[in-house]
Amino acid sequence: MAGLSFFISIFLRLQEEIFIKGWDQVMEERDLLFPSLPIFIVVCAAVFLSSDLYKGIWRFASLNDMTAIFKTTTIAVFIFTFLMFAITRLETIPRSLPFINWFVLIILLGGPRFIYRVFKDHQFKYVFSKDDQRLVPILLVGMGNKSELFIRELNRSSAPNYKIIGIIGKSKSNIGQKIHNVEVIDQISNLNNLLEKLKSENECPQRIVMATENLDTDGTQDLFNIAEKFGVTLSRIPSRMSLKSGISEMDEIESVPIEDLLGRTQTILNRKNIKSMIDGKRVLITGAGGSIGSELVHQICELNPSKLILADISENLLYEITQYLIEKKAKIKHKSYILDIR
């Protein structure tokens, strides 16, 4: 890269003269390549090797790597300029050439790393891919570190499960701001009206995902009530990063525990008595796709019912809980009905 940047810098500095006289004649008249080029290559090699610049993994290139490139390039160009001044008093090269070379070398070293990182992280996958029908549309509540990490992991995933419709901020002043190109489209206090609008446009999300720790029990309960009203599942991002085989799962979401909605200490149930009521019996669960209903399905499956009858007004939510039974509880007989119990 050092040699290439040197040639590019010469061309940028002397391009008019090169176009008129030709490259060979200009090089011969000005004697630009010796000893300038060998000295520059040796200096860059020594500085880059001593700074471990090439040991960085391109897949994880970051601002720290760009800072390292900036520092090492500056040192290399400074040493080169000092040596050339000591040897030739800079009479064989234009005085502006070291500065141009510094700029070009930074671009040549940092540009490929940046481009590789962007493509490796699939930043353009949504631009080129039109088939996002399989993705679950979600609304993200919160603008903190969790939201940023969730969106970043989703962008990096080669097979994402979710499509973020937008972010719900805390106040009106947040509307229009963006996190990794995902826009804040409304505030929490106006969530009900937003869902009404999205529903009328046939763009209602399937999940509302909590990505904030600042909601108290009442705030969580309000979100739950709104989600239930529109047949949407209320979920949250895990409280900490979980690792399986070294792979981050921060792009996954989980259901909101019922105890988070209670506002009181959880009551310990007598599972023995409950099992005697469920064991071998047919059980009807209304609202089976919602947060509470789906949790009931999970719990009742462990109590050996003879058959589960699932009812919900939301086709999407009913489909999700039915798929859970098919994939995870294949031995449990079940029947699903889309209906309004009112």
C-alpha atoms as a PDB file:
ATOM      1  CA  MET A   1       0.000   0.000   0.000  1.00  0.00           C
ATOM      2  CA  ALA A   2       2.903   2.363   0.752  1.00  0.00           C
ATOM      3  CA  GLY A   3       4.300   2.047  -2.769  1.00  0.00           C
ATOM      4  CA  LEU A   4       0.871   2.418  -4.365  1.00  0.00           C
ATOM      5  CA  SER A   5       0.061   5.505  -2.294  1.00  0.00           C
ATOM      6  CA  PHE A   6       3.392   7.058  -3.342  1.00  0.00           C
ATOM      7  CA  PHE A   7       2.600   6.654  -7.053  1.00  0.00           C
ATOM      8  CA  ILE A   8      -0.958   7.943  -6.601  1.00  0.00           C
ATOM      9  CA  SER A   9       0.333  10.963  -4.688  1.00  0.00           C
ATOM     10  CA  ILE A  10       2.819  11.802  -7.438  1.00  0.00           C
ATOM     11  CA  PHE A  11       0.042  11.587 -10.031  1.00  0.00           C
ATOM     12  CA  LEU A  12      -2.302  13.804  -7.992  1.00  0.00           C
ATOM     13  CA  ARG A  13       0.408  16.408  -7.432  1.00  0.00           C
ATOM     14  CA  LEU A  14       1.835  16.455 -10.980  1.00  0.00           C
ATOM     15  CA  GLN A  15      -1.100  15.319 -13.090  1.00  0.00           C
ATOM     16  CA  GLU A  16      -1.078  18.334 -15.427  1.00  0.00           C
ATOM     17  CA  GLU A  17       2.641  17.973 -16.080  1.00  0.00           C
ATOM     18  CA  ILE A  18       2.261  14.205 -16.537  1.00  0.00           C
ATOM     19  CA  PHE A  19      -0.552  14.670 -19.082  1.00  0.00           C
ATOM     20  CA  ILE A  20       1.600  17.095 -21.085  1.00  0.00           C
ATOM     21  CA  LYS A  21       5.015  15.414 -20.950  1.00  0.00           C
ATOM     22  CA  GLY A  22       4.161  11.833 -20.085  1.00  0.00           C
ATOM     23  CA  TRP A  23       4.937   9.798 -16.964  1.00  0.00           C
ATOM     24  CA  ASP A  24       8.390   8.550 -17.990  1.00  0.00           C
ATOM     25  CA  GLN A  25       9.721  11.983 -18.910  1.00  0.00           C
ATOM     26  CA  VAL A  26       8.487  13.574 -15.693  1.00  0.00           C
ATOM     27  CA  MET A  27      10.028  10.804 -13.603  1.00  0.00           C
ATOM     28  CA  GLU A  28      13.328  11.171 -15.441  1.00  0.00           C
ATOM     29  CA  GLU A  29      13.442  14.968 -15.164  1.00  0.00           C
ATOM     30  CA  ARG A  30      12.483  15.151 -11.498  1.00  0.00           C
ATOM     31  CA  ASP A  31      14.156  11.951 -10.293  1.00  0.00           C
ATOM     32  CA  LEU A  32      11.188  11.318  -7.971  1.00  0.00           C
ATOM     33  CA  LEU A  33      11.453   7.568  -7.446  1.00  0.00           C
ATOM     34  CA  PHE A  34      15.003   7.258  -6.115  1.00  0.00           C
ATOM     35  CA  PRO A  35      15.783   7.407  -3.277  1.00  0.00           C
ATOM     36  CA  SER A  36      12.300   8.615  -2.248  1.00  0.00           C
ATOM     37  CA  LEU A  37      10.264   5.474  -3.028  1.00  0.00           C
ATOM     38  CA  PRO A  38      12.574   2.871  -1.376  1.00  0.00           C
ATOM     39  CA  ILE A  39      12.956   5.045   1.723  1.00  0.00           C
ATOM     40  CA  PHE A  40       9.207   5.526   2.033  1.00  0.00           C
ATOM     41  CA  ILE A  41       8.472   1.785   1.655  1.00  0.00           C
ATOM     42  CA  VAL A  42      11.127   0.815   4.238  1.00  0.00           C
ATOM     43  CA  VAL A  43       9.925   3.437   6.737  1.00  0.00           C
ATOM     44  CA  CYS A  44       6.278   2.386   6.364  1.00  0.00           C
ATOM     45  CA  ALA A  45       7.136  -1.313   6.696  1.00  0.00           C
ATOM     46  CA  ALA A  46       9.133  -0.672   9.877  1.00  0.00           C
ATOM     47  CA  VAL A  47       6.486   1.553  11.470  1.00  0.00           C
ATOM     48  CA  PHE A  48       3.535  -0.678  10.530  1.00  0.00           C
ATOM     49  CA  LEU A  49       5.233  -3.864  11.746  1.00  0.00           C
ATOM     50  CA  SER A  50       6.310  -2.290  15.034  1.00  0.00           C
ATOM     51  CA  SER A  51       2.768  -1.033  15.681  1.00  0.00           C
ATOM     52  CA  ASP A  52       1.120  -4.418  14.876  1.00  0.00           C
ATOM     53  CA  LEU A  53      -1.188  -2.621  12.455  1.00  0.00           C
ATOM     54  CA  TYR A  54      -1.698  -5.701  10.264  1.00  0.00           C
ATOM     55  CA  LYS A  55      -2.664  -7.960  13.178  1.00  0.00           C
ATOM     56  CA  GLY A  56      -6.131  -6.423  13.429  1.00  0.00           C
ATOM     57  CA  ILE A  57      -9.014  -8.608  12.212  1.00  0.00           C
ATOM     58  CA  TRP A  58     -10.901  -6.841   9.419  1.00  0.00           C
ATOM     59  CA  ARG A  59     -14.204  -8.421  10.484  1.00  0.00           C
ATOM     60  CA  PHE A  60     -14.028  -6.409  13.718  1.00  0.00           C
ATOM     61  CA  ALA A  61     -12.534  -3.194  12.350  1.00  0.00           C
ATOM     62  CA  SER A  62     -13.634  -0.238  14.451  1.00  0.00           C
ATOM     63  CA  LEU A  63     -12.860   3.361  15.341  1.00  0.00           C
ATOM     64  CA  ASN A  64      -9.859   2.126  17.326  1.00  0.00           C
ATOM     65  CA  ASP A  65      -8.402   0.595  14.156  1.00  0.00           C
ATOM     66  CA  MET A  66      -8.932   3.846  12.239  1.00  0.00           C
ATOM     67  CA  THR A  67      -7.193   5.743  15.052  1.00  0.00           C
ATOM     68  CA  ALA A  68      -4.265   3.314  14.867  1.00  0.00           C
ATOM     69  CA  ILE A  69      -4.056   3.800  11.081  1.00  0.00           C
ATOM     70  CA  PHE A  70      -4.092   7.578  11.540  1.00  0.00           C
ATOM     71  CA  LYS A  71      -1.310   7.473  14.148  1.00  0.00           C
ATOM     72  CA  THR A  72       0.989   5.035  12.333  1.00  0.00           C
ATOM     73  CA  THR A  73       0.559   6.802   8.992  1.00  0.00           C
ATOM     74  CA  THR A  74       1.353  10.154  10.592  1.00  0.00           C
ATOM     75  CA  ILE A  75       4.496   8.743  12.222  1.00  0.00           C
ATOM     76  CA  ALA A  76       5.639   7.062   8.986  1.00  0.00           C
ATOM     77  CA  VAL A  77       5.155  10.198   6.870  1.00  0.00           C
ATOM     78  CA  PHE A  78       6.876  12.363   9.504  1.00  0.00           C
ATOM     79  CA  ILE A  79       9.925  10.055   9.609  1.00  0.00           C
ATOM     80  CA  PHE A  80      10.026   9.908   5.798  1.00  0.00           C
ATOM     81  CA  THR A  81       9.869  13.707   5.514  1.00  0.00           C
ATOM     82  CA  PHE A  82      12.623  14.108   8.125  1.00  0.00           C
ATOM     83  CA  LEU A  83      14.903  11.609   6.344  1.00  0.00           C
ATOM     84  CA  MET A  84      14.308  13.146   2.922  1.00  0.00           C
ATOM     85  CA  PHE A  85      15.067  16.596   4.310  1.00  0.00           C
ATOM     86  CA  ALA A  86      18.285  15.281   5.869  1.00  0.00           C
ATOM     87  CA  ILE A  87      19.350  13.533   2.637  1.00  0.00           C
ATOM     88  CA  THR A  88      18.122  15.820  -0.154  1.00  0.00           C
ATOM     89  CA  ARG A  89      16.637  18.819   1.704  1.00  0.00           C
ATOM     90  CA  LEU A  90      13.390  17.836  -0.106  1.00  0.00           C
ATOM     91  CA  GLU A  91      14.806  19.083  -3.406  1.00  0.00           C
ATOM     92  CA  THR A  92      13.807  15.951  -5.367  1.00  0.00           C
ATOM     93  CA  ILE A  93      10.122  15.908  -4.394  1.00  0.00           C
ATOM     94  CA  PRO A  94       7.421  18.590  -4.166  1.00  0.00           C
ATOM     95  CA  ARG A  95       7.026  19.901  -0.609  1.00  0.00           C
ATOM     96  CA  SER A  96       3.301  19.061  -0.669  1.00  0.00           C
ATOM     97  CA  LEU A  97       3.896  15.419  -1.644  1.00  0.00           C
ATOM     98  CA  PRO A  98       4.279  14.056   1.943  1.00  0.00           C
ATOM     99  CA  PHE A  99       0.936  15.587   2.978  1.00  0.00           C
ATOM    100  CA  ILE A 100      -0.845  14.214  -0.103  1.00  0.00           C
ATOM    101  CA  ASN A 101       0.795  10.839   0.520  1.00  0.00           C
ATOM    102  CA  TRP A 102      -0.371  10.886   4.147  1.00  0.00           C
ATOM    103  CA  PHE A 103      -3.973  11.444   3.078  1.00  0.00           C
ATOM    104  CA  VAL A 104      -3.895   8.819   0.300  1.00  0.00           C
ATOM    105  CA  LEU A 105      -2.258   6.188   2.518  1.00  0.00           C
ATOM    106  CA  ILE A 106      -4.915   6.601   5.220  1.00  0.00           C
ATOM    107  CA  ILE A 107      -7.629   6.039   2.602  1.00  0.00           C
ATOM    108  CA  LEU A 108      -5.869   2.978   1.148  1.00  0.00           C
ATOM    109  CA  LEU A 109      -5.378   1.407   4.585  1.00  0.00           C
ATOM    110  CA  GLY A 110      -8.724   2.313   6.127  1.00  0.00           C
ATOM    111  CA  GLY A 111     -11.014   2.132   3.092  1.00  0.00           C
ATOM    112  CA  PRO A 112     -10.793  -1.626   2.422  1.00  0.00           C
ATOM    113  CA  ARG A 113     -11.301  -2.377   6.121  1.00  0.00           C
ATOM    114  CA  PHE A 114     -14.386  -0.186   6.273  1.00  0.00           C
ATOM    115  CA  ILE A 115     -15.887  -1.615   3.059  1.00  0.00           C
ATOM    116  CA  TYR A 116     -15.197  -5.203   4.167  1.00  0.00           C
ATOM    117  CA  ARG A 117     -16.781  -4.553   7.560  1.00  0.00           C
ATOM    118  CA  VAL A 118     -19.894  -3.031   6.005  1.00  0.00           C
ATOM    119  CA  PHE A 119     -20.456  -5.911   3.566  1.00  0.00           C
ATOM    120  CA  LYS A 120     -19.565  -8.570   6.148  1.00  0.00           C
ATOM    121  CA  ASP A 121     -22.131  -7.102   8.532  1.00  0.00           C
ATOM    122  CA  HIS A 122     -24.810  -7.297   5.788  1.00  0.00           C
ATOM    123  CA  GLN A 123     -25.505  -3.557   5.901  1.00  0.00           C
ATOM    124  CA  PHE A 124     -26.807  -3.666   2.318  1.00  0.00           C
ATOM    125  CA  LYS A 125     -28.933  -6.790   2.559  1.00  0.00           C
ATOM    126  CA  TYR A 126     -32.198  -4.883   2.860  1.00  0.00           C
ATOM    127  CA  VAL A 127     -31.275  -2.681  -0.077  1.00  0.00           C
ATOM    128  CA  PHE A 128     -30.809  -5.639  -2.414  1.00  0.00           C
ATOM    129  CA  SER A 129     -33.402  -7.991  -0.917  1.00  0.00           C
ATOM    130  CA  LYS A 130     -37.094  -7.338  -1.471  1.00  0.00           C
ATOM    131  CA  ASP A 131     -38.350 -10.566   0.111  1.00  0.00           C
ATOM    132  CA  ASP A 132     -38.986  -9.611   3.714  1.00  0.00           C
ATOM    133  CA  GLN A 133     -42.462 -11.102   3.993  1.00  0.00           C
ATOM    134  CA  ARG A 134     -41.218 -13.853   6.301  1.00  0.00           C
ATOM    135  CA  LEU A 135     -39.862 -11.355   8.843  1.00  0.00           C
ATOM    136  CA  VAL A 136     -41.950 -10.592  11.928  1.00  0.00           C
ATOM    137  CA  PRO A 137     -42.758  -6.850  12.028  1.00  0.00           C
ATOM    138  CA  ILE A 138     -42.043  -5.310  15.436  1.00  0.00           C
ATOM    139  CA  LEU A 139     -42.116  -1.971  17.238  1.00  0.00           C
ATOM    140  CA  LEU A 140     -39.150  -1.272  19.507  1.00  0.00           C
ATOM    141  CA  VAL A 141     -39.864   0.643  22.730  1.00  0.00           C
ATOM    142  CA  GLY A 142     -36.847   2.524  24.097  1.00  0.00           C
ATOM    143  CA  MET A 143     -33.792   4.373  22.799  1.00  0.00           C
ATOM    144  CA  GLY A 144     -31.046   3.135  25.116  1.00  0.00           C
ATOM    145  CA  ASN A 145     -28.081   0.804  24.762  1.00  0.00           C
ATOM    146  CA  LYS A 146     -30.346  -2.245  24.467  1.00  0.00           C
ATOM    147  CA  SER A 147     -32.084  -0.824  21.412  1.00  0.00           C
ATOM    148  CA  GLU A 148     -28.781   0.079  19.771  1.00  0.00           C
ATOM    149  CA  LEU A 149     -27.284  -3.356  20.419  1.00  0.00           C
ATOM    150  CA  PHE A 150     -30.449  -5.162  19.303  1.00  0.00           C
ATOM    151  CA  ILE A 151     -30.617  -3.232  16.010  1.00  0.00           C
ATOM    152  CA  ARG A 152     -26.900  -3.709  15.390  1.00  0.00           C
ATOM    153  CA  GLU A 153     -27.097  -7.468  15.986  1.00  0.00           C
ATOM    154  CA  LEU A 154     -30.182  -7.669  13.761  1.00  0.00           C
ATOM    155  CA  ASN A 155     -28.313  -5.870  10.971  1.00  0.00           C
ATOM    156  CA  ARG A 156     -25.352  -8.224  11.322  1.00  0.00           C
ATOM    157  CA  SER A 157     -27.493 -11.365  11.262  1.00  0.00           C
ATOM    158  CA  SER A 158     -27.402 -13.330   8.009  1.00  0.00           C
ATOM    159  CA  ALA A 159     -30.926 -14.651   8.681  1.00  0.00           C
ATOM    160  CA  PRO A 160     -32.845 -12.111  10.803  1.00  0.00           C
ATOM    161  CA  ASN A 161     -36.224 -13.027  12.255  1.00  0.00           C
ATOM    162  CA  TYR A 162     -37.608  -9.527  12.697  1.00  0.00           C
ATOM    163  CA  LYS A 163     -38.265  -6.355  10.731  1.00  0.00           C
ATOM    164  CA  ILE A 164     -38.314  -3.185  12.831  1.00  0.00           C
ATOM    165  CA  ILE A 165     -41.147  -0.886  11.762  1.00  0.00           C
ATOM    166  CA  GLY A 166     -39.861   1.891  13.992  1.00  0.00           C
ATOM    167  CA  ILE A 167     -38.787   2.940  17.464  1.00  0.00           C
ATOM    168  CA  ILE A 168     -41.049   4.375  20.159  1.00  0.00           C
ATOM    169  CA  GLY A 169     -39.287   7.141  22.097  1.00  0.00           C
ATOM    170  CA  LYS A 170     -39.953   8.603  25.521  1.00  0.00           C
ATOM    171  CA  SER A 171     -40.906  12.105  24.408  1.00  0.00           C
ATOM    172  CA  LYS A 172     -42.051  14.039  21.358  1.00  0.00           C
ATOM    173  CA  SER A 173     -38.591  15.583  20.947  1.00  0.00           C
ATOM    174  CA  ASN A 174     -37.196  12.143  20.050  1.00  0.00           C
ATOM    175  CA  ILE A 175     -39.426  11.757  16.971  1.00  0.00           C
ATOM    176  CA  GLY A 176     -37.402  11.799  13.755  1.00  0.00           C
ATOM    177  CA  GLN A 177     -34.151  10.716  15.377  1.00  0.00           C
ATOM    178  CA  LYS A 178     -32.529   7.508  14.150  1.00  0.00           C
ATOM    179  CA  ILE A 179     -30.537   4.593  15.563  1.00  0.00           C
ATOM    180  CA  HIS A 180     -28.630   2.705  12.842  1.00  0.00           C
ATOM    181  CA  ASN A 181     -31.032   4.155  10.265  1.00  0.00           C
ATOM    182  CA  VAL A 182     -34.147   3.002  12.185  1.00  0.00           C
ATOM    183  CA  GLU A 183     -36.366   6.009  12.858  1.00  0.00           C
ATOM    184  CA  VAL A 184     -38.154   7.022  16.061  1.00  0.00           C
ATOM    185  CA  ILE A 185     -41.726   7.303  14.757  1.00  0.00           C
ATOM    186  CA  ASP A 186     -43.687   8.239  17.898  1.00  0.00           C
ATOM    187  CA  GLN A 187     -43.716   8.544  21.688  1.00  0.00           C
ATOM    188  CA  ILE A 188     -44.955   6.021  24.254  1.00  0.00           C
ATOM    189  CA  SER A 189     -47.912   8.163  25.325  1.00  0.00           C
ATOM    190  CA  ASN A 190     -49.275   8.090  21.763  1.00  0.00           C
ATOM    191  CA  LEU A 191     -48.768   4.353  21.168  1.00  0.00           C
ATOM    192  CA  ASN A 192     -52.496   3.591  21.069  1.00  0.00           C
ATOM    193  CA  ASN A 193     -53.123   6.133  18.284  1.00  0.00           C
ATOM    194  CA  LEU A 194     -50.059   4.930  16.391  1.00  0.00           C
ATOM    195  CA  LEU A 195     -51.295   1.335  16.396  1.00  0.00           C
ATOM    196  CA  GLU A 196     -54.725   2.496  15.228  1.00  0.00           C
ATOM    197  CA  LYS A 197     -53.041   4.238  12.301  1.00  0.00           C
ATOM    198  CA  LEU A 198     -50.794   1.280  11.460  1.00  0.00           C
ATOM    199  CA  LYS A 199     -53.753  -1.098  11.655  1.00  0.00           C
ATOM    200  CA  SER A 200     -55.765   1.047   9.231  1.00  0.00           C
ATOM    201  CA  GLU A 201     -52.791   0.950   6.840  1.00  0.00           C
ATOM    202  CA  ASN A 202     -52.471  -2.833   7.265  1.00  0.00           C
ATOM    203  CA  GLU A 203     -48.996  -2.386   8.760  1.00  0.00           C
ATOM    204  CA  CYS A 204     -49.711  -3.286  12.372  1.00  0.00           C
ATOM    205  CA  PRO A 205     -46.754  -5.040  14.075  1.00  0.00           C
ATOM    206  CA  GLN A 206     -47.010  -8.552  15.454  1.00  0.00           C
ATOM    207  CA  ARG A 207     -44.894  -7.701  18.490  1.00  0.00           C
ATOM    208  CA  ILE A 208     -44.127  -4.729  20.706  1.00  0.00           C
ATOM    209  CA  VAL A 209     -40.619  -5.239  22.057  1.00  0.00           C
ATOM    210  CA  MET A 210     -39.533  -3.517  25.274  1.00  0.00           C
ATOM    211  CA  ALA A 211     -35.895  -2.390  25.094  1.00  0.00           C
ATOM    212  CA  THR A 212     -35.825  -0.175  28.168  1.00  0.00           C
ATOM    213  CA  GLU A 213     -35.400  -0.679  31.912  1.00  0.00           C
ATOM    214  CA  ASN A 214     -37.086   2.634  32.768  1.00  0.00           C
ATOM    215  CA  LEU A 215     -40.679   1.374  32.711  1.00  0.00           C
ATOM    216  CA  ASP A 216     -42.288   0.650  36.078  1.00  0.00           C
ATOM    217  CA  THR A 217     -45.053  -1.901  36.647  1.00  0.00           C
ATOM    218  CA  ASP A 218     -47.762   0.575  35.634  1.00  0.00           C
ATOM    219  CA  GLY A 219     -45.922   1.468  32.438  1.00  0.00           C
ATOM    220  CA  THR A 220     -45.458  -2.195  31.575  1.00  0.00           C
ATOM    221  CA  GLN A 221     -49.115  -2.885  32.357  1.00  0.00           C
ATOM    222  CA  ASP A 222     -50.179  -0.032  30.055  1.00  0.00           C
ATOM    223  CA  LEU A 223     -48.106  -1.494  27.232  1.00  0.00           C
ATOM    224  CA  PHE A 224     -49.581  -4.919  27.929  1.00  0.00           C
ATOM    225  CA  ASN A 225     -53.149  -3.573  27.802  1.00  0.00           C
ATOM    226  CA  ILE A 226     -52.504  -1.783  24.506  1.00  0.00           C
ATOM    227  CA  ALA A 227     -50.862  -4.884  23.048  1.00  0.00           C
ATOM    228  CA  GLU A 228     -53.818  -7.049  24.104  1.00  0.00           C
ATOM    229  CA  LYS A 229     -56.251  -4.557  22.590  1.00  0.00           C
ATOM    230  CA  PHE A 230     -54.644  -4.862  19.165  1.00  0.00           C
ATOM    231  CA  GLY A 231     -53.835  -8.578  19.362  1.00  0.00           C
ATOM    232  CA  VAL A 232     -50.102  -7.900  19.560  1.00  0.00           C
ATOM    233  CA  THR A 233     -47.588  -9.844  21.661  1.00  0.00           C
ATOM    234  CA  LEU A 234     -45.653  -7.845  24.255  1.00  0.00           C
ATOM    235  CA  SER A 235     -42.043  -9.014  24.417  1.00  0.00           C
ATOM    236  CA  ARG A 236     -38.738  -7.748  25.685  1.00  0.00           C
ATOM    237  CA  ILE A 237     -35.043  -7.992  24.910  1.00  0.00           C
ATOM    238  CA  PRO A 238     -33.152 -10.267  27.338  1.00  0.00           C
ATOM    239  CA  SER A 239     -31.696  -8.355  30.297  1.00  0.00           C
ATOM    240  CA  ARG A 240     -28.195  -9.512  29.455  1.00  0.00           C
ATOM    241  CA  MET A 241     -26.337 -11.063  26.569  1.00  0.00           C
ATOM    242  CA  SER A 242     -26.601 -14.837  26.558  1.00  0.00           C
ATOM    243  CA  LEU A 243     -24.001 -16.881  24.776  1.00  0.00           C
ATOM    244  CA  LYS A 244     -24.390 -20.230  23.074  1.00  0.00           C
ATOM    245  CA  SER A 245     -21.374 -21.635  21.296  1.00  0.00           C
ATOM    246  CA  GLY A 246     -19.870 -18.157  21.336  1.00  0.00           C
ATOM    247  CA  ILE A 247     -22.720 -16.607  19.338  1.00  0.00           C
ATOM    248  CA  SER A 248     -24.524 -13.511  20.597  1.00  0.00           C
ATOM    249  CA  GLU A 249     -28.288 -13.842  20.959  1.00  0.00           C
ATOM    250  CA  MET A 250     -29.034 -10.174  21.544  1.00  0.00           C
ATOM    251  CA  ASP A 251     -31.112 -10.190  18.359  1.00  0.00           C
ATOM    252  CA  GLU A 252     -33.560 -12.577  20.078  1.00  0.00           C
ATOM    253  CA  ILE A 253     -36.547 -11.509  22.172  1.00  0.00           C
ATOM    254  CA  GLU A 254     -38.498 -13.162  24.964  1.00  0.00           C
ATOM    255  CA  SER A 255     -42.004 -12.926  26.398  1.00  0.00           C
ATOM    256  CA  VAL A 256     -42.617 -10.552  29.285  1.00  0.00           C
ATOM    257  CA  PRO A 257     -42.892 -12.593  32.514  1.00  0.00           C
ATOM    258  CA  ILE A 258     -46.298 -12.410  34.147  1.00  0.00           C
ATOM    259  CA  GLU A 259     -44.738 -11.284  37.447  1.00  0.00           C
ATOM    260  CA  ASP A 260     -43.586  -8.095  35.712  1.00  0.00           C
ATOM    261  CA  LEU A 261     -47.256  -7.201  35.193  1.00  0.00           C
ATOM    262  CA  LEU A 262     -48.543  -8.037  38.654  1.00  0.00           C
ATOM    263  CA  GLY A 263     -47.174  -5.158  40.705  1.00  0.00           C
ATOM    264  CA  ARG A 264     -46.980  -7.482  43.713  1.00  0.00           C
ATOM    265  CA  THR A 265     -45.156 -10.540  44.957  1.00  0.00           C
ATOM    266  CA  GLN A 266     -45.862 -13.607  42.863  1.00  0.00           C
ATOM    267  CA  THR A 267     -48.184 -16.144  44.482  1.00  0.00           C
ATOM    268  CA  ILE A 268     -46.761 -19.651  44.799  1.00  0.00           C
ATOM    269  CA  LEU A 269     -49.265 -22.106  43.340  1.00  0.00           C
ATOM    270  CA  ASN A 270     -50.116 -25.544  44.678  1.00  0.00           C
ATOM    271  CA  ARG A 271     -49.108 -27.450  41.568  1.00  0.00           C
ATOM    272  CA  LYS A 272     -50.243 -30.795  42.985  1.00  0.00           C
ATOM    273  CA  ASN A 273     -53.857 -29.629  43.270  1.00  0.00           C
ATOM    274  CA  ILE A 274     -53.719 -27.889  39.895  1.00  0.00           C
ATOM    275  CA  LYS A 275     -52.352 -31.029  38.231  1.00  0.00           C
ATOM    276  CA  SER A 276     -55.259 -33.059  39.588  1.00  0.00           C
ATOM    277  CA  MET A 277     -57.631 -30.583  37.897  1.00  0.00           C
ATOM    278  CA  ILE A 278     -55.845 -30.731  34.522  1.00  0.00           C
ATOM    279  CA  ASP A 279     -54.454 -34.265  34.266  1.00  0.00           C
ATOM    280  CA  GLY A 280     -56.288 -36.220  31.555  1.00  0.00           C
ATOM    281  CA  LYS A 281     -58.835 -33.474  30.904  1.00  0.00           C
ATOM    282  CA  ARG A 282     -59.678 -31.337  27.895  1.00  0.00           C
ATOM    283  CA  VAL A 283     -58.787 -27.675  28.510  1.00  0.00           C
ATOM    284  CA  LEU A 284     -60.065 -24.602  26.667  1.00  0.00           C
ATOM    285  CA  ILE A 285     -57.774 -21.555  26.701  1.00  0.00           C
ATOM    286  CA  THR A 286     -59.193 -18.267  25.397  1.00  0.00           C
ATOM    287  CA  GLY A 287     -56.800 -15.566  24.264  1.00  0.00           C
ATOM    288  CA  ALA A 288     -54.275 -18.366  23.844  1.00  0.00           C
ATOM    289  CA  GLY A 289     -51.942 -16.301  21.669  1.00  0.00           C
ATOM    290  CA  GLY A 290     -51.554 -13.382  24.065  1.00  0.00           C
ATOM    291  CA  SER A 291     -48.899 -12.953  26.744  1.00  0.00           C
ATOM    292  CA  ILE A 292     -50.980 -14.513  29.535  1.00  0.00           C
ATOM    293  CA  GLY A 293     -52.697 -17.066  27.295  1.00  0.00           C
ATOM    294  CA  SER A 294     -49.455 -18.347  25.782  1.00  0.00           C
ATOM    295  CA  GLU A 295     -47.923 -18.677  29.241  1.00  0.00           C
ATOM    296  CA  LEU A 296     -50.972 -20.706  30.316  1.00  0.00           C
ATOM    297  CA  VAL A 297     -50.430 -22.983  27.319  1.00  0.00           C
ATOM    298  CA  HIS A 298     -46.791 -23.510  28.331  1.00  0.00           C
ATOM    299  CA  GLN A 299     -47.715 -24.291  31.934  1.00  0.00           C
ATOM    300  CA  ILE A 300     -50.718 -26.512  31.183  1.00  0.00           C
ATOM    301  CA  CYS A 301     -48.703 -28.596  28.713  1.00  0.00           C
ATOM    302  CA  GLU A 302     -46.635 -29.780  31.679  1.00  0.00           C
ATOM    303  CA  LEU A 303     -49.757 -31.011  33.503  1.00  0.00           C
ATOM    304  CA  ASN A 304     -50.675 -33.770  31.009  1.00  0.00           C
ATOM    305  CA  PRO A 305     -54.000 -32.569  29.557  1.00  0.00           C
ATOM    306  CA  SER A 306     -55.786 -34.982  27.226  1.00  0.00           C
ATOM    307  CA  LYS A 307     -56.362 -32.178  24.723  1.00  0.00           C
ATOM    308  CA  LEU A 308     -55.872 -28.423  24.424  1.00  0.00           C
ATOM    309  CA  ILE A 309     -58.424 -26.217  22.684  1.00  0.00           C
ATOM    310  CA  LEU A 310     -56.920 -22.856  21.743  1.00  0.00           C
ATOM    311  CA  ALA A 311     -59.050 -19.831  20.897  1.00  0.00           C
ATOM    312  CA  ASP A 312     -57.894 -16.358  19.885  1.00  0.00           C
ATOM    313  CA  ILE A 313     -59.121 -13.524  17.705  1.00  0.00           C
ATOM    314  CA  SER A 314     -55.636 -12.891  16.297  1.00  0.00           C
ATOM    315  CA  GLU A 315     -54.670 -15.269  13.505  1.00  0.00           C
ATOM    316  CA  ASN A 316     -50.963 -14.423  13.796  1.00  0.00           C
ATOM    317  CA  LEU A 317     -50.785 -14.979  17.556  1.00  0.00           C
ATOM    318  CA  LEU A 318     -52.805 -18.183  17.323  1.00  0.00           C
ATOM    319  CA  TYR A 319     -50.487 -19.427  14.583  1.00  0.00           C
ATOM    320  CA  GLU A 320     -47.406 -18.750  16.741  1.00  0.00           C
ATOM    321  CA  ILE A 321     -48.683 -20.661  19.771  1.00  0.00           C
ATOM    322  CA  THR A 322     -49.943 -23.492  17.549  1.00  0.00           C
ATOM    323  CA  GLN A 323     -46.498 -23.772  15.968  1.00  0.00           C
ATOM    324  CA  TYR A 324     -45.007 -23.964  19.440  1.00  0.00           C
ATOM    325  CA  LEU A 325     -47.195 -26.987  20.233  1.00  0.00           C
ATOM    326  CA  ILE A 326     -46.377 -28.655  16.922  1.00  0.00           C
ATOM    327  CA  GLU A 327     -42.623 -28.161  17.293  1.00  0.00           C
ATOM    328  CA  LYS A 328     -42.096 -28.454  21.055  1.00  0.00           C
ATOM    329  CA  LYS A 329     -45.101 -30.418  22.367  1.00  0.00           C
ATOM    330  CA  ALA A 330     -45.941 -32.802  19.549  1.00  0.00           C
ATOM    331  CA  LYS A 331     -47.497 -35.351  21.943  1.00  0.00           C
ATOM    332  CA  ILE A 332     -50.136 -32.884  23.141  1.00  0.00           C
ATOM    333  CA  LYS A 333     -53.373 -33.131  21.153  1.00  0.00           C
ATOM    334  CA  HIS A 334     -54.730 -29.716  20.286  1.00  0.00           C
ATOM    335  CA  LYS A 335     -57.246 -27.841  18.177  1.00  0.00           C
ATOM    336  CA  SER A 336     -57.121 -24.141  17.291  1.00  0.00           C
ATOM    337  CA  TYR A 337     -60.030 -21.788  16.591  1.00  0.00           C
ATOM    338  CA  ILE A 338     -60.040 -18.182  15.401  1.00  0.00           C
ATOM    339  CA  LEU A 339     -62.980 -16.532  17.168  1.00  0.00           C
ATOM    340  CA  ASP A 340     -64.141 -13.625  19.306  1.00  0.00           C
ATOM    341  CA  ILE A 341     -65.505 -14.881  22.637  1.00  0.00           C
ATOM    342  CA  ARG A 342     -67.430 -11.648  23.139  1.00  0.00           C
END
